[in-house]
C-alpha atoms as a PDB file:
ATOM      1  CA  UNK A   1       0.125   0.141   0.017  1.00  0.00           C
ATOM      2  CA  UNK A   2       1.229   3.448  -0.916  1.00  0.00           C
ATOM      3  CA  UNK A   3       1.286   5.451   2.366  1.00  0.00           C
ATOM      4  CA  UNK A   4       3.253   8.204   4.198  1.00  0.00           C
ATOM      5  CA  UNK A   5       6.046   7.458   6.377  1.00  0.00           C
ATOM      6  CA  UNK A   6       4.354   7.428   9.766  1.00  0.00           C
ATOM      7  CA  UNK A   7       5.874   8.475  13.222  1.00  0.00           C
ATOM      8  CA  UNK A   8       3.795   8.079  16.342  1.00  0.00           C
ATOM      9  CA  UNK A   9       5.006  10.478  19.004  1.00  0.00           C
ATOM     10  CA  UNK A  10       3.793  10.770  22.565  1.00  0.00           C
ATOM     11  CA  UNK A  11       5.136  11.372  26.147  1.00  0.00           C
ATOM     12  CA  UNK A  12       3.769   9.157  29.063  1.00  0.00           C
ATOM     13  CA  UNK A  13       4.334   8.761  32.686  1.00  0.00           C
ATOM     14  CA  UNK A  14       6.181   5.754  34.224  1.00  0.00           C
ATOM     15  CA  UNK A  15       2.878   3.982  34.740  1.00  0.00           C
ATOM     16  CA  UNK A  16       1.766   4.420  31.124  1.00  0.00           C
ATOM     17  CA  UNK A  17      -0.505   7.537  31.210  1.00  0.00           C
ATOM     18  CA  UNK A  18      -0.773  10.514  28.793  1.00  0.00           C
ATOM     19  CA  UNK A  19      -2.277  12.909  31.134  1.00  0.00           C
ATOM     20  CA  UNK A  20      -4.299  13.021  34.571  1.00  0.00           C
ATOM     21  CA  UNK A  21      -8.002  12.613  34.721  1.00  0.00           C
ATOM     22  CA  UNK A  22      -8.567  16.148  35.744  1.00  0.00           C
ATOM     23  CA  UNK A  23      -9.467  18.782  33.191  1.00  0.00           C
ATOM     24  CA  UNK A  24      -6.056  20.531  33.786  1.00  0.00           C
ATOM     25  CA  UNK A  25      -3.462  19.306  31.359  1.00  0.00           C
ATOM     26  CA  UNK A  26      -0.544  17.494  32.989  1.00  0.00           C
ATOM     27  CA  UNK A  27       2.653  18.155  31.176  1.00  0.00           C
ATOM     28  CA  UNK A  28       4.645  14.989  30.715  1.00  0.00           C
ATOM     29  CA  UNK A  29       7.749  16.410  29.189  1.00  0.00           C
ATOM     30  CA  UNK A  30      10.316  19.369  29.572  1.00  0.00           C
ATOM     31  CA  UNK A  31      11.219  22.417  27.339  1.00  0.00           C
ATOM     32  CA  UNK A  32      14.205  20.522  25.794  1.00  0.00           C
ATOM     33  CA  UNK A  33      11.759  17.886  24.609  1.00  0.00           C
ATOM     34  CA  UNK A  34       9.307  20.123  23.433  1.00  0.00           C
ATOM     35  CA  UNK A  35      11.736  21.716  21.160  1.00  0.00           C
ATOM     36  CA  UNK A  36      12.675  18.251  19.775  1.00  0.00           C
ATOM     37  CA  UNK A  37       9.021  17.505  19.029  1.00  0.00           C
ATOM     38  CA  UNK A  38       8.680  20.927  17.396  1.00  0.00           C
ATOM     39  CA  UNK A  39      11.508  19.802  15.022  1.00  0.00           C
ATOM     40  CA  UNK A  40       9.633  16.590  14.186  1.00  0.00           C
ATOM     41  CA  UNK A  41       6.562  18.755  13.599  1.00  0.00           C
ATOM     42  CA  UNK A  42       8.631  20.838  11.060  1.00  0.00           C
ATOM     43  CA  UNK A  43       9.819  17.981   9.181  1.00  0.00           C
ATOM     44  CA  UNK A  44       6.422  16.585   8.772  1.00  0.00           C
ATOM     45  CA  UNK A  45       3.889  17.096   5.861  1.00  0.00           C
ATOM     46  CA  UNK A  46       0.795  16.444   8.304  1.00  0.00           C
ATOM     47  CA  UNK A  47       0.027  15.998  12.079  1.00  0.00           C
ATOM     48  CA  UNK A  48      -2.825  13.850  13.248  1.00  0.00           C
ATOM     49  CA  UNK A  49      -4.640  13.821  16.473  1.00  0.00           C
ATOM     50  CA  UNK A  50      -7.889  12.019  17.539  1.00  0.00           C
ATOM     51  CA  UNK A  51     -11.334  13.973  18.021  1.00  0.00           C
ATOM     52  CA  UNK A  52     -11.106  13.518  21.763  1.00  0.00           C
ATOM     53  CA  UNK A  53      -7.751  15.269  21.759  1.00  0.00           C
ATOM     54  CA  UNK A  54      -9.111  17.995  19.977  1.00  0.00           C
ATOM     55  CA  UNK A  55     -11.863  18.439  22.537  1.00  0.00           C
ATOM     56  CA  UNK A  56      -9.907  17.730  25.674  1.00  0.00           C
ATOM     57  CA  UNK A  57      -6.478  19.427  25.057  1.00  0.00           C
ATOM     58  CA  UNK A  58      -7.284  22.002  22.244  1.00  0.00           C
ATOM     59  CA  UNK A  59      -3.768  21.636  20.558  1.00  0.00           C
ATOM     60  CA  UNK A  60      -2.769  24.230  18.059  1.00  0.00           C
ATOM     61  CA  UNK A  61      -0.541  21.824  16.211  1.00  0.00           C
ATOM     62  CA  UNK A  62       1.513  24.442  14.888  1.00  0.00           C
ATOM     63  CA  UNK A  63       5.423  24.916  14.307  1.00  0.00           C
ATOM     64  CA  UNK A  64       6.477  27.128  17.157  1.00  0.00           C
ATOM     65  CA  UNK A  65      10.143  28.060  15.982  1.00  0.00           C
ATOM     66  CA  UNK A  66       9.986  30.901  13.825  1.00  0.00           C
ATOM     67  CA  UNK A  67      13.332  29.886  12.211  1.00  0.00           C
ATOM     68  CA  UNK A  68      11.727  26.435  11.524  1.00  0.00           C
ATOM     69  CA  UNK A  69       8.489  28.114  10.053  1.00  0.00           C
ATOM     70  CA  UNK A  70      10.759  30.118   7.686  1.00  0.00           C
ATOM     71  CA  UNK A  71      12.736  27.254   6.647  1.00  0.00           C
ATOM     72  CA  UNK A  72       9.466  25.353   5.677  1.00  0.00           C
ATOM     73  CA  UNK A  73       8.420  28.537   3.871  1.00  0.00           C
ATOM     74  CA  UNK A  74      11.612  28.869   1.933  1.00  0.00           C
ATOM     75  CA  UNK A  75      11.129  25.313   0.854  1.00  0.00           C
ATOM     76  CA  UNK A  76       7.782  26.117  -0.685  1.00  0.00           C
ATOM     77  CA  UNK A  77       5.929  24.628   2.228  1.00  0.00           C
ATOM     78  CA  UNK A  78       3.218  26.401   4.434  1.00  0.00           C
ATOM     79  CA  UNK A  79       4.616  27.535   7.675  1.00  0.00           C
ATOM     80  CA  UNK A  80       3.110  24.349   9.637  1.00  0.00           C
ATOM     81  CA  UNK A  81       2.020  20.957   8.312  1.00  0.00           C
ATOM     82  CA  UNK A  82      -1.587  19.950   7.373  1.00  0.00           C
ATOM     83  CA  UNK A  83      -3.793  19.174  10.395  1.00  0.00           C
ATOM     84  CA  UNK A  84      -5.762  15.970  10.463  1.00  0.00           C
ATOM     85  CA  UNK A  85      -8.210  14.386  12.690  1.00  0.00           C
ATOM     86  CA  UNK A  86     -10.812  11.680  12.544  1.00  0.00           C
ATOM     87  CA  UNK A  87     -14.277  11.284  14.053  1.00  0.00           C
ATOM     88  CA  UNK A  88     -17.336   9.036  13.897  1.00  0.00           C
ATOM     89  CA  UNK A  89     -19.949  11.157  15.794  1.00  0.00           C
ATOM     90  CA  UNK A  90     -18.866  14.709  14.439  1.00  0.00           C
ATOM     91  CA  UNK A  91     -18.364  16.084  18.017  1.00  0.00           C
ATOM     92  CA  UNK A  92     -15.707  18.581  17.162  1.00  0.00           C
ATOM     93  CA  UNK A  93     -16.081  22.242  18.465  1.00  0.00           C
ATOM     94  CA  UNK A  94     -15.572  24.714  15.567  1.00  0.00           C
ATOM     95  CA  UNK A  95     -14.050  27.267  17.820  1.00  0.00           C
ATOM     96  CA  UNK A  96     -11.272  24.883  18.948  1.00  0.00           C
ATOM     97  CA  UNK A  97      -7.525  25.954  18.086  1.00  0.00           C
ATOM     98  CA  UNK A  98      -7.372  22.963  15.470  1.00  0.00           C
ATOM     99  CA  UNK A  99      -9.756  24.957  13.314  1.00  0.00           C
ATOM    100  CA  UNK A 100      -8.989  28.541  14.258  1.00  0.00           C
ATOM    101  CA  UNK A 101      -5.231  28.592  14.651  1.00  0.00           C
ATOM    102  CA  UNK A 102      -2.821  28.769  11.645  1.00  0.00           C
ATOM    103  CA  UNK A 103      -3.320  29.236   7.893  1.00  0.00           C
ATOM    104  CA  UNK A 104      -2.894  25.535   6.975  1.00  0.00           C
ATOM    105  CA  UNK A 105      -5.090  22.999   5.662  1.00  0.00           C
ATOM    106  CA  UNK A 106      -7.465  20.993   7.991  1.00  0.00           C
ATOM    107  CA  UNK A 107      -8.804  17.611   7.191  1.00  0.00           C
ATOM    108  CA  UNK A 108     -11.469  15.850   8.963  1.00  0.00           C
ATOM    109  CA  UNK A 109     -12.051  12.236   8.107  1.00  0.00           C
ATOM    110  CA  UNK A 110     -15.304  10.534   9.167  1.00  0.00           C
ATOM    111  CA  UNK A 111     -17.995   7.915   7.767  1.00  0.00           C
ATOM    112  CA  UNK A 112     -19.790   8.792   4.511  1.00  0.00           C
ATOM    113  CA  UNK A 113     -23.201   9.230   6.382  1.00  0.00           C
ATOM    114  CA  UNK A 114     -21.817  11.694   8.912  1.00  0.00           C
ATOM    115  CA  UNK A 115     -19.831  13.963   6.518  1.00  0.00           C
ATOM    116  CA  UNK A 116     -22.597  16.277   5.219  1.00  0.00           C
ATOM    117  CA  UNK A 117     -23.506  17.220   8.720  1.00  0.00           C
ATOM    118  CA  UNK A 118     -20.179  17.733   9.844  1.00  0.00           C
ATOM    119  CA  UNK A 119     -19.419  19.754   6.755  1.00  0.00           C
ATOM    120  CA  UNK A 120     -22.256  21.968   7.482  1.00  0.00           C
ATOM    121  CA  UNK A 121     -21.189  22.478  11.268  1.00  0.00           C
ATOM    122  CA  UNK A 122     -17.387  23.199  10.265  1.00  0.00           C
ATOM    123  CA  UNK A 123     -18.248  25.396   7.198  1.00  0.00           C
ATOM    124  CA  UNK A 124     -14.988  26.578   5.490  1.00  0.00           C
ATOM    125  CA  UNK A 125     -12.623  26.017   8.444  1.00  0.00           C
ATOM    126  CA  UNK A 126     -11.917  22.288   7.264  1.00  0.00           C
ATOM    127  CA  UNK A 127     -12.233  19.842   4.435  1.00  0.00           C
ATOM    128  CA  UNK A 128     -14.520  16.964   5.361  1.00  0.00           C
ATOM    129  CA  UNK A 129     -13.774  13.579   3.853  1.00  0.00           C
ATOM    130  CA  UNK A 130     -16.116  10.668   4.006  1.00  0.00           C
ATOM    131  CA  UNK A 131     -14.388   7.271   4.071  1.00  0.00           C
ATOM    132  CA  UNK A 132     -16.579   4.356   3.952  1.00  0.00           C
ATOM    133  CA  UNK A 133     -19.941   3.348   5.488  1.00  0.00           C
ATOM    134  CA  UNK A 134     -18.744   2.069   8.982  1.00  0.00           C
ATOM    135  CA  UNK A 135     -15.851   2.960  11.124  1.00  0.00           C
ATOM    136  CA  UNK A 136     -13.011   4.724   9.304  1.00  0.00           C
ATOM    137  CA  UNK A 137      -9.866   2.711   9.199  1.00  0.00           C
ATOM    138  CA  UNK A 138      -6.505   4.308   9.496  1.00  0.00           C
ATOM    139  CA  UNK A 139      -5.328   2.328   6.363  1.00  0.00           C
ATOM    140  CA  UNK A 140      -7.896   4.334   4.426  1.00  0.00           C
ATOM    141  CA  UNK A 141      -7.001   7.550   5.973  1.00  0.00           C
ATOM    142  CA  UNK A 142      -2.977   7.331   5.152  1.00  0.00           C
ATOM    143  CA  UNK A 143      -4.031   6.091   1.753  1.00  0.00           C
ATOM    144  CA  UNK A 144      -6.012   9.136   1.026  1.00  0.00           C
ATOM    145  CA  UNK A 145      -3.326  11.401   2.603  1.00  0.00           C
ATOM    146  CA  UNK A 146      -0.911   9.753   0.202  1.00  0.00           C
ATOM    147  CA  UNK A 147      -2.913  10.820  -2.640  1.00  0.00           C
ATOM    148  CA  UNK A 148      -3.005  14.334  -1.271  1.00  0.00           C
ATOM    149  CA  UNK A 149       0.823  14.343  -1.385  1.00  0.00           C
ATOM    150  CA  UNK A 150       1.543  13.711   2.261  1.00  0.00           C
ATOM    151  CA  UNK A 151       4.849  11.943   2.598  1.00  0.00           C
ATOM    152  CA  UNK A 152       5.642  12.233   6.235  1.00  0.00           C
ATOM    153  CA  UNK A 153       2.784  12.019   8.794  1.00  0.00           C
ATOM    154  CA  UNK A 154       3.270  12.548  12.545  1.00  0.00           C
ATOM    155  CA  UNK A 155       0.611  11.119  14.917  1.00  0.00           C
ATOM    156  CA  UNK A 156       0.364  12.701  18.325  1.00  0.00           C
ATOM    157  CA  UNK A 157      -2.418  11.170  20.199  1.00  0.00           C
ATOM    158  CA  UNK A 158      -4.628  10.209  21.937  1.00  0.00           C
ATOM    159  CA  UNK A 159      -4.604   6.659  23.343  1.00  0.00           C
ATOM    160  CA  UNK A 160      -7.357   5.373  20.903  1.00  0.00           C
ATOM    161  CA  UNK A 161      -5.591   6.593  17.871  1.00  0.00           C
ATOM    162  CA  UNK A 162      -2.313   5.281  18.980  1.00  0.00           C
ATOM    163  CA  UNK A 163      -4.126   1.962  19.325  1.00  0.00           C
ATOM    164  CA  UNK A 164      -5.632   2.192  15.874  1.00  0.00           C
ATOM    165  CA  UNK A 165      -2.233   2.857  14.158  1.00  0.00           C
ATOM    166  CA  UNK A 166      -0.385   0.191  16.035  1.00  0.00           C
ATOM    167  CA  UNK A 167      -2.733  -2.511  15.737  1.00  0.00           C
ATOM    168  CA  UNK A 168      -3.302  -1.830  12.010  1.00  0.00           C
ATOM    169  CA  UNK A 169       0.575  -2.095  11.736  1.00  0.00           C
ATOM    170  CA  UNK A 170       0.848   1.322  10.016  1.00  0.00           C
ATOM    171  CA  UNK A 171       3.496   2.952  12.228  1.00  0.00           C
ATOM    172  CA  UNK A 172       7.136   3.049  10.981  1.00  0.00           C
ATOM    173  CA  UNK A 173       8.712   4.811  13.803  1.00  0.00           C
ATOM    174  CA  UNK A 174       7.512   5.088  17.508  1.00  0.00           C
ATOM    175  CA  UNK A 175       9.113   7.954  19.528  1.00  0.00           C
ATOM    176  CA  UNK A 176       8.090   7.300  23.245  1.00  0.00           C
ATOM    177  CA  UNK A 177       9.162   9.772  25.883  1.00  0.00           C
ATOM    178  CA  UNK A 178       8.737   8.490  29.578  1.00  0.00           C
ATOM    179  CA  UNK A 179       8.497  11.158  32.247  1.00  0.00           C
ATOM    180  CA  UNK A 180      10.006  10.501  35.717  1.00  0.00           C
ATOM    181  CA  UNK A 181       6.673  10.284  37.705  1.00  0.00           C
ATOM    182  CA  UNK A 182       3.473   8.265  38.162  1.00  0.00           C
ATOM    183  CA  UNK A 183      -0.002   9.242  37.532  1.00  0.00           C
ATOM    184  CA  UNK A 184      -1.756   6.560  39.416  1.00  0.00           C
ATOM    185  CA  UNK A 185      -5.316   7.467  38.198  1.00  0.00           C
ATOM    186  CA  UNK A 186      -7.542   4.653  36.977  1.00  0.00           C
ATOM    187  CA  UNK A 187      -9.516   7.059  34.858  1.00  0.00           C
ATOM    188  CA  UNK A 188      -6.762   8.906  33.208  1.00  0.00           C
ATOM    189  CA  UNK A 189      -5.972   8.402  29.617  1.00  0.00           C
ATOM    190  CA  UNK A 190      -3.350   5.642  28.714  1.00  0.00           C
ATOM    191  CA  UNK A 191      -0.866   5.527  25.990  1.00  0.00           C
ATOM    192  CA  UNK A 192      -2.828   2.669  24.312  1.00  0.00           C
ATOM    193  CA  UNK A 193      -6.021   0.787  24.890  1.00  0.00           C
ATOM    194  CA  UNK A 194      -6.542  -3.013  24.725  1.00  0.00           C
ATOM    195  CA  UNK A 195      -5.864  -4.565  21.315  1.00  0.00           C
ATOM    196  CA  UNK A 196      -4.142  -7.234  19.297  1.00  0.00           C
ATOM    197  CA  UNK A 197      -0.642  -5.746  18.434  1.00  0.00           C
ATOM    198  CA  UNK A 198       1.830  -7.063  15.918  1.00  0.00           C
ATOM    199  CA  UNK A 199       4.722  -6.836  18.479  1.00  0.00           C
ATOM    200  CA  UNK A 200       4.551  -9.393  21.064  1.00  0.00           C
ATOM    201  CA  UNK A 201       6.993 -11.440  23.627  1.00  0.00           C
ATOM    202  CA  UNK A 202       7.830 -13.405  20.455  1.00  0.00           C
ATOM    203  CA  UNK A 203       8.164 -10.519  18.063  1.00  0.00           C
ATOM    204  CA  UNK A 204       9.953  -7.794  19.782  1.00  0.00           C
ATOM    205  CA  UNK A 205      10.099  -4.141  18.493  1.00  0.00           C
ATOM    206  CA  UNK A 206      13.602  -3.004  17.392  1.00  0.00           C
ATOM    207  CA  UNK A 207      14.978  -0.334  19.688  1.00  0.00           C
ATOM    208  CA  UNK A 208      16.841   2.000  17.379  1.00  0.00           C
ATOM    209  CA  UNK A 209      17.890   4.909  19.983  1.00  0.00           C
ATOM    210  CA  UNK A 210      17.704   5.737  23.587  1.00  0.00           C
ATOM    211  CA  UNK A 211      18.444   9.439  24.543  1.00  0.00           C
ATOM    212  CA  UNK A 212      18.391  11.339  27.876  1.00  0.00           C
ATOM    213  CA  UNK A 213      16.685  14.789  27.424  1.00  0.00           C
ATOM    214  CA  UNK A 214      17.075  16.396  30.825  1.00  0.00           C
ATOM    215  CA  UNK A 215      14.920  14.447  33.196  1.00  0.00           C
ATOM    216  CA  UNK A 216      13.030  12.401  30.654  1.00  0.00           C
ATOM    217  CA  UNK A 217      14.223   9.630  28.141  1.00  0.00           C
ATOM    218  CA  UNK A 218      13.443   9.192  24.600  1.00  0.00           C
ATOM    219  CA  UNK A 219      12.967   5.535  23.446  1.00  0.00           C
ATOM    220  CA  UNK A 220      12.803   5.174  19.618  1.00  0.00           C
ATOM    221  CA  UNK A 221      11.581   2.083  18.101  1.00  0.00           C
ATOM    222  CA  UNK A 222      11.841   0.962  14.529  1.00  0.00           C
ATOM    223  CA  UNK A 223       8.599  -0.606  13.867  1.00  0.00           C
ATOM    224  CA  UNK A 224       8.968  -1.092   9.967  1.00  0.00           C
ATOM    225  CA  UNK A 225      11.735  -2.041   7.447  1.00  0.00           C
ATOM    226  CA  UNK A 226      11.595   1.437   6.201  1.00  0.00           C
ATOM    227  CA  UNK A 227      12.616   2.779   9.566  1.00  0.00           C
ATOM    228  CA  UNK A 228      15.141  -0.017  10.089  1.00  0.00           C
ATOM    229  CA  UNK A 229      16.810   0.883   6.680  1.00  0.00           C
ATOM    230  CA  UNK A 230      16.824   4.528   7.591  1.00  0.00           C
ATOM    231  CA  UNK A 231      18.561   3.754  10.961  1.00  0.00           C
ATOM    232  CA  UNK A 232      20.984   1.320   9.328  1.00  0.00           C
ATOM    233  CA  UNK A 233      22.023   4.135   6.767  1.00  0.00           C
ATOM    234  CA  UNK A 234      22.538   6.688   9.335  1.00  0.00           C
ATOM    235  CA  UNK A 235      24.738   4.361  11.427  1.00  0.00           C
ATOM    236  CA  UNK A 236      26.791   3.793   8.454  1.00  0.00           C
ATOM    237  CA  UNK A 237      27.056   7.320   7.808  1.00  0.00           C
ATOM    238  CA  UNK A 238      28.466   7.747  11.399  1.00  0.00           C
ATOM    239  CA  UNK A 239      30.789   4.677  11.102  1.00  0.00           C
ATOM    240  CA  UNK A 240      29.035   2.662  13.800  1.00  0.00           C
ATOM    241  CA  UNK A 241      28.576  -1.214  13.333  1.00  0.00           C
ATOM    242  CA  UNK A 242      25.407  -2.516  11.729  1.00  0.00           C
ATOM    243  CA  UNK A 243      22.606  -3.397  14.117  1.00  0.00           C
ATOM    244  CA  UNK A 244      20.653  -6.761  13.750  1.00  0.00           C
END
């Protein structure tokens, strides 16, 4: 299948939570890591979050660094990547930062039957794309994004979206940051939900990099041959021995 290179990026607590259960957002990372994520955004053609993340976190999903924004512009790209979300119900607040912030394209994927109503609600603030009669699959989403010229897709959450991408085996690279504390709340959102994942005790994911960034640690996993080949190429350039 022709699809973008997919990087799943998230930060979680030591006990696997993305946030607390309270309305107040709990920052998992630190300024140095936020800057790393900003660079990853700048290198992407599109950034995707789930509808629950749009509602709960109200993310802007824009490149923050002025230098990176200008570099993108000089390369003939918009200042920030295309924003993407997916919904089944259409419960998306038009006043959220996802729609109101940034002069970039916004794409909303949904079932065919829900598309007309969502399009009326959002008006010109986004392009609504109907994909199929039932639940939208991430395979269909990335296929459509590829047709729109998206070569690199960054997936930023939440847990349900992570689960869908991982269980459908659509992630090339997982960049997982672990924060040095516990959340300990049973109702807090987790990194992933229950599902049948391709990586098991008998098929382990390939750890490509570990990096300390202040008080957090980045774990970078190669989940596809495309990522493994890129890692081998980078190692060869630096004169490092090949990895198994």
